[in-house]
C-alpha atoms as a PDB file:
ATOM      1  CA  MET A   1      74.242 131.018 154.879  1.00  0.00           C
ATOM      2  CA  SER A   2      70.734 131.327 156.541  1.00  0.00           C
ATOM      3  CA  PHE A   3      67.770 130.684 153.796  1.00  0.00           C
ATOM      4  CA  GLU A   4      66.838 134.725 154.572  1.00  0.00           C
ATOM      5  CA  LEU A   5      70.795 135.776 153.230  1.00  0.00           C
ATOM      6  CA  THR A   6      70.451 133.025 150.608  1.00  0.00           C
ATOM      7  CA  MET A   7      67.236 134.678 149.294  1.00  0.00           C
ATOM      8  CA  LEU A   8      68.684 138.330 150.072  1.00  0.00           C
ATOM      9  CA  ALA A   9      71.852 137.184 147.745  1.00  0.00           C
ATOM     10  CA  TRP A  10      69.176 135.890 145.129  1.00  0.00           C
ATOM     11  CA  THR A  11      67.322 139.649 144.889  1.00  0.00           C
ATOM     12  CA  LEU A  12      69.859 141.538 144.558  1.00  0.00           C
ATOM     13  CA  VAL A  13      71.010 139.294 141.814  1.00  0.00           C
ATOM     14  CA  LEU A  14      67.798 140.174 140.372  1.00  0.00           C
ATOM     15  CA  ALA A  15      68.374 143.854 141.109  1.00  0.00           C
ATOM     16  CA  LEU A  16      71.018 143.647 138.884  1.00  0.00           C
ATOM     17  CA  VAL A  17      69.287 142.051 136.182  1.00  0.00           C
ATOM     18  CA  GLN A  18      66.779 144.775 136.518  1.00  0.00           C
ATOM     19  CA  VAL A  19      69.658 147.358 135.871  1.00  0.00           C
ATOM     20  CA  LEU A  20      70.629 145.854 133.188  1.00  0.00           C
ATOM     21  CA  LEU A  21      67.990 145.201 131.157  1.00  0.00           C
ATOM     22  CA  PRO A  22      66.051 148.488 130.808  1.00  0.00           C
ATOM     23  CA  ALA A  23      70.094 149.912 129.974  1.00  0.00           C
ATOM     24  CA  VAL A  24      70.677 147.537 127.100  1.00  0.00           C
ATOM     25  CA  VAL A  25      67.235 148.142 125.760  1.00  0.00           C
ATOM     26  CA  ARG A  26      67.366 151.811 126.323  1.00  0.00           C
ATOM     27  CA  ASN A  27      70.675 151.462 124.490  1.00  0.00           C
ATOM     28  CA  ARG A  28      69.099 149.964 121.553  1.00  0.00           C
ATOM     29  CA  GLU A  29      66.454 152.465 121.289  1.00  0.00           C
ATOM     30  CA  LEU A  30      69.060 155.856 121.366  1.00  0.00           C
ATOM     31  CA  GLY A  31      71.646 153.654 119.242  1.00  0.00           C
ATOM     32  CA  MET A  32      75.575 154.041 119.143  1.00  0.00           C
ATOM     33  CA  ARG A  33      75.339 157.447 117.753  1.00  0.00           C
ATOM     34  CA  TYR A  34      73.524 159.582 120.244  1.00  0.00           C
ATOM     35  CA  GLN A  35      75.386 157.290 123.228  1.00  0.00           C
ATOM     36  CA  ALA A  36      78.593 158.056 121.727  1.00  0.00           C
ATOM     37  CA  GLY A  37      78.011 161.887 121.023  1.00  0.00           C
ATOM     38  CA  PRO A  38      77.731 165.077 123.391  1.00  0.00           C
ATOM     39  CA  ARG A  39      74.032 164.313 123.343  1.00  0.00           C
ATOM     40  CA  ASP A  40      73.206 167.949 123.267  1.00  0.00           C
ATOM     41  CA  ALA A  41      69.666 166.974 121.645  1.00  0.00           C
ATOM     42  CA  ALA A  42      66.840 166.726 124.061  1.00  0.00           C
ATOM     43  CA  VAL A  43      66.706 162.321 124.688  1.00  0.00           C
ATOM     44  CA  PRO A  44      64.122 161.145 123.117  1.00  0.00           C
ATOM     45  CA  PRO A  45      61.145 159.714 125.306  1.00  0.00           C
ATOM     46  CA  PRO A  46      61.109 155.619 126.185  1.00  0.00           C
ATOM     47  CA  SER A  47      59.689 153.246 124.258  1.00  0.00           C
ATOM     48  CA  LYS A  48      56.932 151.508 126.310  1.00  0.00           C
ATOM     49  CA  LEU A  49      59.414 148.360 127.026  1.00  0.00           C
ATOM     50  CA  SER A  50      62.306 150.116 128.440  1.00  0.00           C
ATOM     51  CA  GLY A  51      59.596 152.561 130.475  1.00  0.00           C
ATOM     52  CA  ARG A  52      58.131 149.932 132.191  1.00  0.00           C
ATOM     53  CA  LEU A  53      61.421 148.289 132.405  1.00  0.00           C
ATOM     54  CA  MET A  54      62.536 151.283 134.522  1.00  0.00           C
ATOM     55  CA  ARG A  55      59.635 151.915 136.666  1.00  0.00           C
ATOM     56  CA  ALA A  56      59.915 147.748 137.797  1.00  0.00           C
ATOM     57  CA  GLN A  57      63.180 148.985 138.398  1.00  0.00           C
ATOM     58  CA  SER A  58      62.081 151.720 140.411  1.00  0.00           C
ATOM     59  CA  ASN A  59      59.771 149.896 142.439  1.00  0.00           C
ATOM     60  CA  LEU A  60      62.346 147.269 143.304  1.00  0.00           C
ATOM     61  CA  PHE A  61      64.743 150.164 144.660  1.00  0.00           C
ATOM     62  CA  GLU A  62      61.818 151.439 146.729  1.00  0.00           C
ATOM     63  CA  THR A  63      61.152 148.362 148.783  1.00  0.00           C
ATOM     64  CA  LEU A  64      64.932 146.493 148.568  1.00  0.00           C
ATOM     65  CA  PRO A  65      66.031 148.819 151.485  1.00  0.00           C
ATOM     66  CA  VAL A  66      63.782 148.060 154.242  1.00  0.00           C
ATOM     67  CA  PHE A  67      63.788 144.242 152.904  1.00  0.00           C
ATOM     68  CA  ALA A  68      67.329 143.985 153.031  1.00  0.00           C
ATOM     69  CA  ILE A  69      67.346 145.703 156.537  1.00  0.00           C
ATOM     70  CA  ALA A  70      64.967 143.503 158.039  1.00  0.00           C
ATOM     71  CA  VAL A  71      66.617 140.231 156.881  1.00  0.00           C
ATOM     72  CA  LEU A  72      69.944 141.703 158.353  1.00  0.00           C
ATOM     73  CA  ILE A  73      68.328 142.308 161.606  1.00  0.00           C
ATOM     74  CA  VAL A  74      66.925 138.754 161.801  1.00  0.00           C
ATOM     75  CA  HIS A  75      70.350 137.466 161.308  1.00  0.00           C
ATOM     76  CA  VAL A  76      72.123 139.303 163.374  1.00  0.00           C
ATOM     77  CA  ALA A  77      69.803 138.921 166.297  1.00  0.00           C
ATOM     78  CA  GLY A  78      69.438 135.576 165.038  1.00  0.00           C
ATOM     79  CA  ARG A  79      66.045 135.088 165.321  1.00  0.00           C
ATOM     80  CA  GLU A  80      65.405 133.375 161.946  1.00  0.00           C
ATOM     81  CA  ASN A  81      62.262 131.495 162.135  1.00  0.00           C
ATOM     82  CA  ALA A  82      59.486 129.947 160.089  1.00  0.00           C
ATOM     83  CA  LEU A  83      57.692 133.314 159.444  1.00  0.00           C
ATOM     84  CA  THR A  84      61.022 135.214 158.373  1.00  0.00           C
ATOM     85  CA  HIS A  85      61.713 131.906 156.184  1.00  0.00           C
ATOM     86  CA  TYR A  86      58.081 132.242 154.304  1.00  0.00           C
ATOM     87  CA  GLY A  87      58.774 136.232 154.474  1.00  0.00           C
ATOM     88  CA  ALA A  88      61.885 135.831 152.791  1.00  0.00           C
ATOM     89  CA  LEU A  89      60.698 133.553 150.122  1.00  0.00           C
ATOM     90  CA  ALA A  90      57.200 135.425 149.613  1.00  0.00           C
ATOM     91  CA  TYR A  91      59.483 138.814 149.013  1.00  0.00           C
ATOM     92  CA  PHE A  92      61.552 137.156 146.451  1.00  0.00           C
ATOM     93  CA  VAL A  93      58.994 135.420 144.584  1.00  0.00           C
ATOM     94  CA  ALA A  94      56.884 138.574 144.343  1.00  0.00           C
ATOM     95  CA  ARG A  95      59.838 140.374 143.357  1.00  0.00           C
ATOM     96  CA  LEU A  96      60.438 137.787 140.515  1.00  0.00           C
ATOM     97  CA  VAL A  97      56.918 137.604 139.295  1.00  0.00           C
ATOM     98  CA  TYR A  98      56.324 141.470 139.381  1.00  0.00           C
ATOM     99  CA  VAL A  99      58.663 142.246 136.267  1.00  0.00           C
ATOM    100  CA  PRO A 100      56.817 140.270 133.793  1.00  0.00           C
ATOM    101  CA  LEU A 101      53.618 141.266 134.817  1.00  0.00           C
ATOM    102  CA  TYR A 102      54.519 145.011 134.611  1.00  0.00           C
ATOM    103  CA  VAL A 103      56.371 144.113 131.538  1.00  0.00           C
ATOM    104  CA  PHE A 104      53.646 142.773 130.038  1.00  0.00           C
ATOM    105  CA  GLY A 105      51.060 145.455 131.397  1.00  0.00           C
ATOM    106  CA  VAL A 106      49.147 143.061 133.456  1.00  0.00           C
ATOM    107  CA  PRO A 107      46.562 145.750 135.616  1.00  0.00           C
ATOM    108  CA  PHE A 108      45.246 144.557 139.420  1.00  0.00           C
ATOM    109  CA  LEU A 109      47.172 141.092 139.381  1.00  0.00           C
ATOM    110  CA  ARG A 110      50.808 143.387 139.519  1.00  0.00           C
ATOM    111  CA  SER A 111      49.530 145.464 142.259  1.00  0.00           C
ATOM    112  CA  LEU A 112      48.444 142.632 144.330  1.00  0.00           C
ATOM    113  CA  VAL A 113      52.446 141.458 143.881  1.00  0.00           C
END
């Protein structure tokens, strides 16, 4: 498997983690009684933490399809090179760093990532 495909695979693992994190935090906020009930009452707003985790997840899902398609096109075309290698690495590392920066509310630096 090429390096670019490996980075895509690890990005998908990160995506799975980013699906689970806000779900776990939100389930703890709402509690089993609400989750098991009919959910007729209005849903309380998310906490700062779960809101940030949800927004970080949305941000990943906005960019992941473009990254995945680019990696697959490069692989199918057999055009992997140093630029695609470092591009895939940069995307993965940026996504990995973005989550804690967003969760901890670090301004400006988060936008650079």
